[in-house]
Amino acid sequence: MRKYLAKRAVPHMQDADGKVSTAYETLYEQLIDFGAHPNEKGFSMSSTIRRENGEVHIEAVYLHGDGLPLRSALRTTAQVGICVLRIGQTLYPQRFNDLDLDTELQAIMKRF
C-alpha cells in the first residue's frame, strides 16, 4: 500500500497551476504550524496556564470562544475549502464551467 504524502502532490499541482500549488503549500505549512501536528504554536494557541495556591495548572482548550483563535480557525477553514475547489477546478475545468462554479468561486475568493 502506498502512503499518501501531501508533499507528493505539489509538483503535479505546480505543473497544472502554480497559484493553486502555492496556496496549497502555504495552507499546508500553516496547518502544521498551528496544530495539525503537535508543536509549540498549536499547543500555546489551545491551552491556558493558571497559577493557584502555589500550583501551576495547564489546561487544554477544545472549543474557543470569540477571539483570535476562533477567527483564525474559521478563516483557515474557508481558505482550505477554496483551495480544494480550486484543485477541483484544475482537474475538472469543463464541469466547473458547465455548473457555472467559476463565477461563484471567484466571488467567494474575493472575500478570503
Protein backbone atom coordinates (compact mmCIF):
# COMPACT_ATOMS: atom_id res chain seq x y z
CA MET A 1 0.00 0.00 0.00
CA ARG A 2 1.37 3.42 -0.98
CA LYS A 3 1.27 6.09 1.63
CA TYR A 4 -0.21 9.46 0.73
CA LEU A 5 2.15 12.28 1.46
CA ALA A 6 0.90 15.82 0.95
CA LYS A 7 4.23 16.95 -0.49
CA ARG A 8 3.99 14.42 -3.34
CA ALA A 9 1.08 16.34 -4.84
CA VAL A 10 2.97 19.64 -5.06
CA PRO A 11 4.96 19.02 -8.28
CA HIS A 12 1.80 17.89 -10.06
CA MET A 13 -0.11 20.95 -8.89
CA GLN A 14 2.83 23.20 -9.81
CA ASP A 15 2.69 21.85 -13.36
CA ALA A 16 -1.08 22.38 -13.58
CA ASP A 17 -1.46 25.73 -11.76
CA GLY A 18 1.33 27.48 -9.88
CA LYS A 19 -1.03 29.74 -7.91
CA VAL A 20 -3.04 26.81 -6.60
CA SER A 21 0.16 24.98 -5.73
CA THR A 22 1.45 27.99 -3.78
CA ALA A 23 -1.85 28.32 -1.89
CA TYR A 24 -1.81 24.58 -1.10
CA GLU A 25 1.77 24.69 0.22
CA THR A 26 1.10 27.82 2.30
CA LEU A 27 -2.04 26.33 3.85
CA TYR A 28 -0.30 23.01 4.49
CA GLU A 29 2.53 24.71 6.38
CA GLN A 30 0.09 26.94 8.27
CA LEU A 31 -1.96 23.94 9.36
CA ILE A 32 1.15 22.13 10.55
CA ASP A 33 2.39 25.21 12.41
CA PHE A 34 -0.89 25.74 14.24
CA GLY A 35 -1.74 22.29 15.41
CA ALA A 36 -2.22 19.67 12.70
CA HIS A 37 0.88 18.07 14.22
CA PRO A 38 1.73 18.66 17.87
CA ASN A 39 4.07 21.63 18.25
CA GLU A 40 4.60 24.69 20.43
CA LYS A 41 2.47 27.11 18.38
CA GLY A 42 -0.51 24.78 18.20
CA PHE A 43 -0.22 23.92 21.88
CA SER A 44 0.09 27.51 23.04
CA MET A 45 -2.93 28.63 20.98
CA SER A 46 -5.07 25.94 22.60
CA SER A 47 -4.03 25.97 26.21
CA THR A 48 -4.22 28.17 29.26
CA ILE A 49 -1.92 28.37 32.24
CA ARG A 50 -3.16 29.43 35.63
CA ARG A 51 -1.48 29.61 39.00
CA GLU A 52 -3.48 28.76 42.06
CA ASN A 53 -2.32 28.18 45.63
CA GLY A 54 1.31 27.86 44.50
CA GLU A 55 0.42 25.28 41.84
CA VAL A 56 0.58 25.67 38.07
CA HIS A 57 -2.33 24.30 36.06
CA ILE A 58 -2.08 23.81 32.30
CA GLU A 59 -5.45 23.29 30.66
CA ALA A 60 -6.35 22.34 27.09
CA VAL A 61 -8.96 24.47 25.35
CA TYR A 62 -11.01 22.35 22.95
CA LEU A 63 -13.59 24.93 21.91
CA HIS A 64 -12.50 28.55 21.76
CA GLY A 65 -14.87 31.42 22.34
CA ASP A 66 -14.81 34.59 20.28
CA GLY A 67 -11.33 35.90 19.63
CA LEU A 68 -8.25 35.44 17.52
CA PRO A 69 -8.00 31.61 17.67
CA LEU A 70 -11.62 31.15 16.56
CA ARG A 71 -11.40 33.81 13.82
CA SER A 72 -8.18 32.27 12.56
CA ALA A 73 -9.68 28.77 12.54
CA LEU A 74 -12.79 29.90 10.66
CA ARG A 75 -10.79 31.84 8.09
CA THR A 76 -8.37 28.94 7.57
CA THR A 77 -11.29 26.53 7.16
CA ALA A 78 -12.73 28.75 4.41
CA GLN A 79 -9.32 29.02 2.74
CA VAL A 80 -8.88 25.24 2.75
CA GLY A 81 -12.33 24.84 1.18
CA ILE A 82 -11.45 27.37 -1.51
CA CYS A 83 -8.16 25.60 -2.19
CA VAL A 84 -9.95 22.26 -2.57
CA LEU A 85 -12.40 23.84 -5.01
CA ARG A 86 -9.53 25.38 -6.97
CA ILE A 87 -7.87 21.96 -7.20
CA GLY A 88 -11.19 20.55 -8.41
CA GLN A 89 -11.42 23.36 -10.95
CA THR A 90 -7.95 22.45 -12.24
CA LEU A 91 -8.86 18.76 -12.51
CA TYR A 92 -12.37 19.22 -13.95
CA PRO A 93 -12.48 22.56 -15.79
CA GLN A 94 -15.39 21.65 -18.06
CA ARG A 95 -17.55 20.50 -15.15
CA PHE A 96 -16.87 23.76 -13.30
CA ASN A 97 -17.78 25.72 -16.40
CA ASP A 98 -20.97 23.69 -17.01
CA LEU A 99 -22.13 24.32 -13.43
CA ASP A 100 -21.05 27.99 -13.53
CA LEU A 101 -18.87 27.36 -10.50
CA ASP A 102 -16.13 29.57 -11.94
CA THR A 103 -18.21 32.67 -11.26
CA GLU A 104 -19.23 31.51 -7.79
CA LEU A 105 -15.68 30.59 -6.84
CA GLN A 106 -14.31 33.96 -7.99
CA ALA A 107 -16.89 35.76 -5.83
CA ILE A 108 -16.00 33.65 -2.78
CA MET A 109 -12.26 34.10 -3.31
CA LYS A 110 -12.61 37.88 -3.13
CA ARG A 111 -13.79 37.56 0.47
CA PHE A 112 -10.93 35.33 1.63
